[in-house]
């Protein structure tokens, strides 16, 4: 449980900051998927963007926790 908190809480903060920065530069109505405008509402685009940022940040944090293990923990 502790490792999940160590991964998810900082990645939540980074996901929020990443979404703020991305959507400060780009308007959700100007996004295109496969050459066509996205037909999703702004709220849906913001939600998907946040969860994608959160997932990438969580993957990065989890990989850092994985690499920070001691050699004795890996050899078990």
PDB file of N, CA and C in Angstrom:
ATOM      1  N   UNK A   1       0.819  -1.190   0.000  1.00  0.00           N
ATOM      2  CA  UNK A   1       0.000   0.000   0.000  1.00  0.00           C
ATOM      3  C   UNK A   1       0.865   1.257   0.000  1.00  0.00           C
ATOM      4  N   UNK A   2       1.958   1.187   0.755  1.00  0.00           N
ATOM      5  CA  UNK A   2       2.836   2.349   0.835  1.00  0.00           C
ATOM      6  C   UNK A   2       3.451   2.667  -0.522  1.00  0.00           C
ATOM      7  N   UNK A   3       3.861   1.641  -1.254  1.00  0.00           N
ATOM      8  CA  UNK A   3       4.467   1.895  -2.566  1.00  0.00           C
ATOM      9  C   UNK A   3       3.439   2.446  -3.550  1.00  0.00           C
ATOM     10  N   UNK A   4       2.178   2.015  -3.421  1.00  0.00           N
ATOM     11  CA  UNK A   4       1.132   2.566  -4.288  1.00  0.00           C
ATOM     12  C   UNK A   4       0.928   4.056  -4.013  1.00  0.00           C
ATOM     13  N   UNK A   5       0.960   4.432  -2.757  1.00  0.00           N
ATOM     14  CA  UNK A   5       0.825   5.848  -2.401  1.00  0.00           C
ATOM     15  C   UNK A   5       2.032   6.627  -2.898  1.00  0.00           C
ATOM     16  N   UNK A   6       3.215   6.032  -2.775  1.00  0.00           N
ATOM     17  CA  UNK A   6       4.430   6.708  -3.242  1.00  0.00           C
ATOM     18  C   UNK A   6       4.425   6.916  -4.752  1.00  0.00           C
ATOM     19  N   UNK A   7       3.708   6.091  -5.469  1.00  0.00           N
ATOM     20  CA  UNK A   7       3.625   6.211  -6.929  1.00  0.00           C
ATOM     21  C   UNK A   7       2.471   7.116  -7.346  1.00  0.00           C
ATOM     22  N   UNK A   8       1.286   6.887  -6.789  1.00  0.00           N
ATOM     23  CA  UNK A   8       0.082   7.549  -7.284  1.00  0.00           C
ATOM     24  C   UNK A   8      -0.063   9.010  -6.854  1.00  0.00           C
ATOM     25  N   UNK A   9       0.334   9.344  -5.632  1.00  0.00           N
ATOM     26  CA  UNK A   9       0.146  10.726  -5.183  1.00  0.00           C
ATOM     27  C   UNK A   9       1.018  11.713  -5.962  1.00  0.00           C
ATOM     28  N   UNK A  10       2.338  11.506  -6.077  1.00  0.00           N
ATOM     29  CA  UNK A  10       3.130  12.454  -6.870  1.00  0.00           C
ATOM     30  C   UNK A  10       2.724  12.464  -8.344  1.00  0.00           C
ATOM     31  N   UNK A  11       2.330  11.315  -8.879  1.00  0.00           N
ATOM     32  CA  UNK A  11       1.928  11.289 -10.281  1.00  0.00           C
ATOM     33  C   UNK A  11       0.604  12.025 -10.487  1.00  0.00           C
ATOM     34  N   UNK A  12      -0.261  12.052  -9.480  1.00  0.00           N
ATOM     35  CA  UNK A  12      -1.497  12.836  -9.551  1.00  0.00           C
ATOM     36  C   UNK A  12      -1.175  14.321  -9.656  1.00  0.00           C
ATOM     37  N   UNK A  13      -0.240  14.782  -8.847  1.00  0.00           N
ATOM     38  CA  UNK A  13       0.170  16.194  -8.882  1.00  0.00           C
ATOM     39  C   UNK A  13       0.792  16.519 -10.239  1.00  0.00           C
ATOM     40  N   UNK A  14       1.695  15.677 -10.707  1.00  0.00           N
ATOM     41  CA  UNK A  14       2.357  15.913 -11.993  1.00  0.00           C
ATOM     42  C   UNK A  14       1.348  15.826 -13.139  1.00  0.00           C
ATOM     43  N   UNK A  15       0.393  14.912 -13.052  1.00  0.00           N
ATOM     44  CA  UNK A  15      -0.645  14.821 -14.073  1.00  0.00           C
ATOM     45  C   UNK A  15      -1.470  16.094 -14.158  1.00  0.00           C
ATOM     46  N   UNK A  16      -1.810  16.667 -13.011  1.00  0.00           N
ATOM     47  CA  UNK A  16      -2.554  17.930 -13.001  1.00  0.00           C
ATOM     48  C   UNK A  16      -1.753  19.073 -13.583  1.00  0.00           C
ATOM     49  N   UNK A  17      -0.491  19.148 -13.218  1.00  0.00           N
ATOM     50  CA  UNK A  17       0.376  20.206 -13.753  1.00  0.00           C
ATOM     51  C   UNK A  17       0.576  20.018 -15.257  1.00  0.00           C
ATOM     52  N   UNK A  18       0.776  18.782 -15.691  1.00  0.00           N
ATOM     53  CA  UNK A  18       0.940  18.511 -17.117  1.00  0.00           C
ATOM     54  C   UNK A  18      -0.288  18.889 -17.921  1.00  0.00           C
ATOM     55  N   UNK A  19      -1.464  18.600 -17.367  1.00  0.00           N
ATOM     56  CA  UNK A  19      -2.696  18.967 -18.058  1.00  0.00           C
ATOM     57  C   UNK A  19      -2.849  20.479 -18.139  1.00  0.00           C
ATOM     58  N   UNK A  20      -2.539  21.176 -17.070  1.00  0.00           N
ATOM     59  CA  UNK A  20      -2.631  22.646 -17.075  1.00  0.00           C
ATOM     60  C   UNK A  20      -1.715  23.229 -18.141  1.00  0.00           C
ATOM     61  N   UNK A  21      -0.495  22.741 -18.193  1.00  0.00           N
ATOM     62  CA  UNK A  21       0.461  23.266 -19.178  1.00  0.00           C
ATOM     63  C   UNK A  21       0.024  22.934 -20.602  1.00  0.00           C
ATOM     64  N   UNK A  22      -0.403  21.695 -20.839  1.00  0.00           N
ATOM     65  CA  UNK A  22      -0.800  21.291 -22.190  1.00  0.00           C
ATOM     66  C   UNK A  22      -2.008  22.083 -22.673  1.00  0.00           C
ATOM     67  N   UNK A  23      -3.036  22.195 -21.832  1.00  0.00           N
ATOM     68  CA  UNK A  23      -4.248  22.865 -22.276  1.00  0.00           C
ATOM     69  C   UNK A  23      -4.171  24.383 -22.158  1.00  0.00           C
ATOM     70  N   UNK A  24      -3.105  24.900 -21.597  1.00  0.00           N
ATOM     71  CA  UNK A  24      -2.854  26.337 -21.701  1.00  0.00           C
ATOM     72  C   UNK A  24      -2.386  26.676 -23.111  1.00  0.00           C
ATOM     73  N   UNK A  25      -1.675  25.762 -23.727  1.00  0.00           N
ATOM     74  CA  UNK A  25      -1.143  25.969 -25.072  1.00  0.00           C
ATOM     75  C   UNK A  25      -2.151  25.562 -26.149  1.00  0.00           C
ATOM     76  N   UNK A  26      -2.887  24.460 -25.935  1.00  0.00           N
ATOM     77  CA  UNK A  26      -3.794  23.918 -26.940  1.00  0.00           C
ATOM     78  C   UNK A  26      -5.241  24.010 -26.482  1.00  0.00           C
ATOM     79  N   UNK A  27      -6.122  24.359 -27.412  1.00  0.00           N
ATOM     80  CA  UNK A  27      -7.554  24.374 -27.158  1.00  0.00           C
ATOM     81  C   UNK A  27      -8.119  22.997 -27.519  1.00  0.00           C
ATOM     82  N   UNK A  28      -8.948  22.400 -26.666  1.00  0.00           N
ATOM     83  CA  UNK A  28      -9.480  21.067 -26.968  1.00  0.00           C
ATOM     84  C   UNK A  28     -10.278  21.003 -28.273  1.00  0.00           C
ATOM     85  N   UNK A  29     -10.870  22.101 -28.691  1.00  0.00           N
ATOM     86  CA  UNK A  29     -11.643  22.083 -29.935  1.00  0.00           C
ATOM     87  C   UNK A  29     -10.756  22.120 -31.178  1.00  0.00           C
ATOM     88  N   UNK A  30      -9.475  22.389 -31.006  1.00  0.00           N
ATOM     89  CA  UNK A  30      -8.552  22.433 -32.133  1.00  0.00           C
ATOM     90  C   UNK A  30      -7.751  21.141 -32.289  1.00  0.00           C
ATOM     91  N   UNK A  31      -8.039  20.139 -31.475  1.00  0.00           N
ATOM     92  CA  UNK A  31      -7.322  18.871 -31.555  1.00  0.00           C
ATOM     93  C   UNK A  31      -7.910  17.997 -32.656  1.00  0.00           C
ATOM     94  N   UNK A  32      -7.044  17.333 -33.381  1.00  0.00           N
ATOM     95  CA  UNK A  32      -7.457  16.455 -34.473  1.00  0.00           C
ATOM     96  C   UNK A  32      -6.990  15.033 -34.190  1.00  0.00           C
ATOM     97  N   UNK A  33      -7.847  14.063 -34.496  1.00  0.00           N
ATOM     98  CA  UNK A  33      -7.504  12.652 -34.380  1.00  0.00           C
ATOM     99  C   UNK A  33      -7.589  12.028 -35.763  1.00  0.00           C
ATOM    100  N   UNK A  34      -6.479  11.534 -36.259  1.00  0.00           N
ATOM    101  CA  UNK A  34      -6.395  10.895 -37.581  1.00  0.00           C
ATOM    102  C   UNK A  34      -6.895  11.818 -38.685  1.00  0.00           C
ATOM    103  N   UNK A  35      -6.562  13.095 -38.589  1.00  0.00           N
ATOM    104  CA  UNK A  35      -6.897  14.057 -39.630  1.00  0.00           C
ATOM    105  C   UNK A  35      -8.283  14.660 -39.537  1.00  0.00           C
ATOM    106  N   UNK A  36      -9.079  14.246 -38.549  1.00  0.00           N
ATOM    107  CA  UNK A  36     -10.420  14.791 -38.387  1.00  0.00           C
ATOM    108  C   UNK A  36     -10.557  15.423 -37.010  1.00  0.00           C
ATOM    109  N   UNK A  37     -11.382  16.470 -36.903  1.00  0.00           N
ATOM    110  CA  UNK A  37     -11.556  17.102 -35.582  1.00  0.00           C
ATOM    111  C   UNK A  37     -12.131  16.120 -34.564  1.00  0.00           C
ATOM    112  N   UNK A  38     -11.667  16.226 -33.327  1.00  0.00           N
ATOM    113  CA  UNK A  38     -12.187  15.367 -32.262  1.00  0.00           C
ATOM    114  C   UNK A  38     -13.638  15.734 -31.987  1.00  0.00           C
ATOM    115  N   UNK A  39     -14.510  14.746 -31.941  1.00  0.00           N
ATOM    116  CA  UNK A  39     -15.934  15.000 -31.756  1.00  0.00           C
ATOM    117  C   UNK A  39     -16.354  14.904 -30.292  1.00  0.00           C
ATOM    118  N   UNK A  40     -15.405  14.984 -29.384  1.00  0.00           N
ATOM    119  CA  UNK A  40     -15.691  14.891 -27.956  1.00  0.00           C
ATOM    120  C   UNK A  40     -15.928  16.278 -27.365  1.00  0.00           C
ATOM    121  N   UNK A  41     -16.615  16.325 -26.255  1.00  0.00           N
ATOM    122  CA  UNK A  41     -16.836  17.597 -25.577  1.00  0.00           C
ATOM    123  C   UNK A  41     -15.535  18.052 -24.913  1.00  0.00           C
ATOM    124  N   UNK A  42     -15.500  19.316 -24.533  1.00  0.00           N
ATOM    125  CA  UNK A  42     -14.298  19.836 -23.870  1.00  0.00           C
ATOM    126  C   UNK A  42     -14.017  19.093 -22.567  1.00  0.00           C
ATOM    127  N   UNK A  43     -15.070  18.818 -21.812  1.00  0.00           N
ATOM    128  CA  UNK A  43     -14.897  18.108 -20.547  1.00  0.00           C
ATOM    129  C   UNK A  43     -14.306  16.727 -20.772  1.00  0.00           C
ATOM    130  N   UNK A  44     -14.760  16.032 -21.796  1.00  0.00           N
ATOM    131  CA  UNK A  44     -14.225  14.709 -22.096  1.00  0.00           C
ATOM    132  C   UNK A  44     -12.756  14.793 -22.493  1.00  0.00           C
ATOM    133  N   UNK A  45     -12.403  15.784 -23.287  1.00  0.00           N
ATOM    134  CA  UNK A  45     -11.006  15.944 -23.708  1.00  0.00           C
ATOM    135  C   UNK A  45     -10.128  16.281 -22.505  1.00  0.00           C
ATOM    136  N   UNK A  46     -10.620  17.162 -21.624  1.00  0.00           N
ATOM    137  CA  UNK A  46      -9.855  17.491 -20.408  1.00  0.00           C
ATOM    138  C   UNK A  46      -9.681  16.250 -19.531  1.00  0.00           C
ATOM    139  N   UNK A  47     -10.727  15.451 -19.382  1.00  0.00           N
ATOM    140  CA  UNK A  47     -10.654  14.248 -18.545  1.00  0.00           C
ATOM    141  C   UNK A  47      -9.687  13.231 -19.122  1.00  0.00           C
ATOM    142  N   UNK A  48      -9.790  12.978 -20.420  1.00  0.00           N
ATOM    143  CA  UNK A  48      -8.883  12.026 -21.068  1.00  0.00           C
ATOM    144  C   UNK A  48      -7.443  12.524 -20.976  1.00  0.00           C
ATOM    145  N   UNK A  49      -7.244  13.817 -21.196  1.00  0.00           N
ATOM    146  CA  UNK A  49      -5.906  14.397 -21.091  1.00  0.00           C
ATOM    147  C   UNK A  49      -5.323  14.248 -19.703  1.00  0.00           C
ATOM    148  N   UNK A  50      -6.145  14.490 -18.678  1.00  0.00           N
ATOM    149  CA  UNK A  50      -5.659  14.342 -17.301  1.00  0.00           C
ATOM    150  C   UNK A  50      -5.275  12.901 -17.013  1.00  0.00           C
ATOM    151  N   UNK A  51      -6.143  11.958 -17.371  1.00  0.00           N
ATOM    152  CA  UNK A  51      -5.833  10.563 -17.064  1.00  0.00           C
ATOM    153  C   UNK A  51      -4.636  10.050 -17.853  1.00  0.00           C
ATOM    154  N   UNK A  52      -4.426  10.536 -19.063  1.00  0.00           N
ATOM    155  CA  UNK A  52      -3.220  10.162 -19.808  1.00  0.00           C
ATOM    156  C   UNK A  52      -1.965  10.729 -19.146  1.00  0.00           C
ATOM    157  N   UNK A  53      -2.012  12.004 -18.744  1.00  0.00           N
ATOM    158  CA  UNK A  53      -0.873  12.594 -18.036  1.00  0.00           C
ATOM    159  C   UNK A  53      -0.606  11.855 -16.736  1.00  0.00           C
ATOM    160  N   UNK A  54      -1.673  11.514 -16.008  1.00  0.00           N
ATOM    161  CA  UNK A  54      -1.528  10.800 -14.746  1.00  0.00           C
ATOM    162  C   UNK A  54      -0.927   9.414 -14.987  1.00  0.00           C
ATOM    163  N   UNK A  55      -1.372   8.727 -16.032  1.00  0.00           N
ATOM    164  CA  UNK A  55      -0.852   7.390 -16.327  1.00  0.00           C
ATOM    165  C   UNK A  55       0.631   7.430 -16.683  1.00  0.00           C
ATOM    166  N   UNK A  56       1.037   8.407 -17.505  1.00  0.00           N
ATOM    167  CA  UNK A  56       2.462   8.519 -17.850  1.00  0.00           C
ATOM    168  C   UNK A  56       3.308   8.862 -16.632  1.00  0.00           C
ATOM    169  N   UNK A  57       2.809   9.743 -15.787  1.00  0.00           N
ATOM    170  CA  UNK A  57       3.554  10.101 -14.579  1.00  0.00           C
ATOM    171  C   UNK A  57       3.607   8.918 -13.612  1.00  0.00           C
ATOM    172  N   UNK A  58       2.521   8.153 -13.504  1.00  0.00           N
ATOM    173  CA  UNK A  58       2.519   6.975 -12.638  1.00  0.00           C
ATOM    174  C   UNK A  58       3.487   5.916 -13.154  1.00  0.00           C
ATOM    175  N   UNK A  59       3.537   5.735 -14.466  1.00  0.00           N
ATOM    176  CA  UNK A  59       4.479   4.772 -15.036  1.00  0.00           C
ATOM    177  C   UNK A  59       5.915   5.194 -14.746  1.00  0.00           C
ATOM    178  N   UNK A  60       6.179   6.476 -14.847  1.00  0.00           N
ATOM    179  CA  UNK A  60       7.515   6.976 -14.550  1.00  0.00           C
ATOM    180  C   UNK A  60       7.868   6.775 -13.078  1.00  0.00           C
ATOM    181  N   UNK A  61       6.938   7.076 -12.196  1.00  0.00           N
ATOM    182  CA  UNK A  61       7.187   6.891 -10.762  1.00  0.00           C
ATOM    183  C   UNK A  61       7.360   5.420 -10.409  1.00  0.00           C
ATOM    184  N   UNK A  62       6.545   4.561 -10.996  1.00  0.00           N
ATOM    185  CA  UNK A  62       6.661   3.124 -10.736  1.00  0.00           C
ATOM    186  C   UNK A  62       7.997   2.588 -11.235  1.00  0.00           C
ATOM    187  N   UNK A  63       8.433   3.055 -12.388  1.00  0.00           N
ATOM    188  CA  UNK A  63       9.725   2.620 -12.917  1.00  0.00           C
ATOM    189  C   UNK A  63      10.859   3.090 -12.011  1.00  0.00           C
ATOM    190  N   UNK A  64      10.752   4.289 -11.470  1.00  0.00           N
ATOM    191  CA  UNK A  64      11.757   4.784 -10.529  1.00  0.00           C
ATOM    192  C   UNK A  64      11.787   3.928  -9.272  1.00  0.00           C
ATOM    193  N   UNK A  65      10.620   3.566  -8.727  1.00  0.00           N
ATOM    194  CA  UNK A  65      10.572   2.686  -7.556  1.00  0.00           C
ATOM    195  C   UNK A  65      11.157   1.313  -7.870  1.00  0.00           C
ATOM    196  N   UNK A  66      10.883   0.812  -9.061  1.00  0.00           N
ATOM    197  CA  UNK A  66      11.423  -0.477  -9.479  1.00  0.00           C
ATOM    198  C   UNK A  66      12.944  -0.443  -9.546  1.00  0.00           C
ATOM    199  N   UNK A  67      13.493   0.632 -10.104  1.00  0.00           N
ATOM    200  CA  UNK A  67      14.946   0.733 -10.241  1.00  0.00           C
ATOM    201  C   UNK A  67      15.652   1.070  -8.933  1.00  0.00           C
ATOM    202  N   UNK A  68      14.936   1.573  -7.943  1.00  0.00           N
ATOM    203  CA  UNK A  68      15.581   1.963  -6.690  1.00  0.00           C
ATOM    204  C   UNK A  68      15.657   0.823  -5.676  1.00  0.00           C
ATOM    205  N   UNK A  69      15.209  -0.360  -6.060  1.00  0.00           N
ATOM    206  CA  UNK A  69      15.284  -1.495  -5.148  1.00  0.00           C
ATOM    207  C   UNK A  69      16.732  -1.909  -4.928  1.00  0.00           C
ATOM    208  N   UNK A  70      16.999  -2.397  -3.751  1.00  0.00           N
ATOM    209  CA  UNK A  70      18.346  -2.876  -3.417  1.00  0.00           C
ATOM    210  C   UNK A  70      18.583  -4.229  -4.089  1.00  0.00           C
ATOM    211  N   UNK A  71      19.845  -4.591  -4.214  1.00  0.00           N
ATOM    212  CA  UNK A  71      20.193  -5.856  -4.877  1.00  0.00           C
ATOM    213  C   UNK A  71      19.644  -7.059  -4.115  1.00  0.00           C
ATOM    214  N   UNK A  72      19.582  -6.969  -2.798  1.00  0.00           N
ATOM    215  CA  UNK A  72      19.055  -8.087  -2.007  1.00  0.00           C
ATOM    216  C   UNK A  72      17.571  -8.303  -2.273  1.00  0.00           C
ATOM    217  N   UNK A  73      16.828  -7.224  -2.516  1.00  0.00           N
ATOM    218  CA  UNK A  73      15.399  -7.356  -2.818  1.00  0.00           C
ATOM    219  C   UNK A  73      15.191  -7.979  -4.188  1.00  0.00           C
ATOM    220  N   UNK A  74      16.066  -7.691  -5.115  1.00  0.00           N
ATOM    221  CA  UNK A  74      15.924  -8.224  -6.472  1.00  0.00           C
ATOM    222  C   UNK A  74      16.275  -9.709  -6.506  1.00  0.00           C
ATOM    223  N   UNK A  75      17.237 -10.128  -5.711  1.00  0.00           N
ATOM    224  CA  UNK A  75      17.722 -11.506  -5.737  1.00  0.00           C
ATOM    225  C   UNK A  75      16.827 -12.494  -5.015  1.00  0.00           C
ATOM    226  N   UNK A  76      15.764 -12.073  -4.391  1.00  0.00           N
ATOM    227  CA  UNK A  76      14.891 -12.997  -3.648  1.00  0.00           C
ATOM    228  C   UNK A  76      14.242 -13.992  -4.546  1.00  0.00           C
TER     229      UNK A  76
END
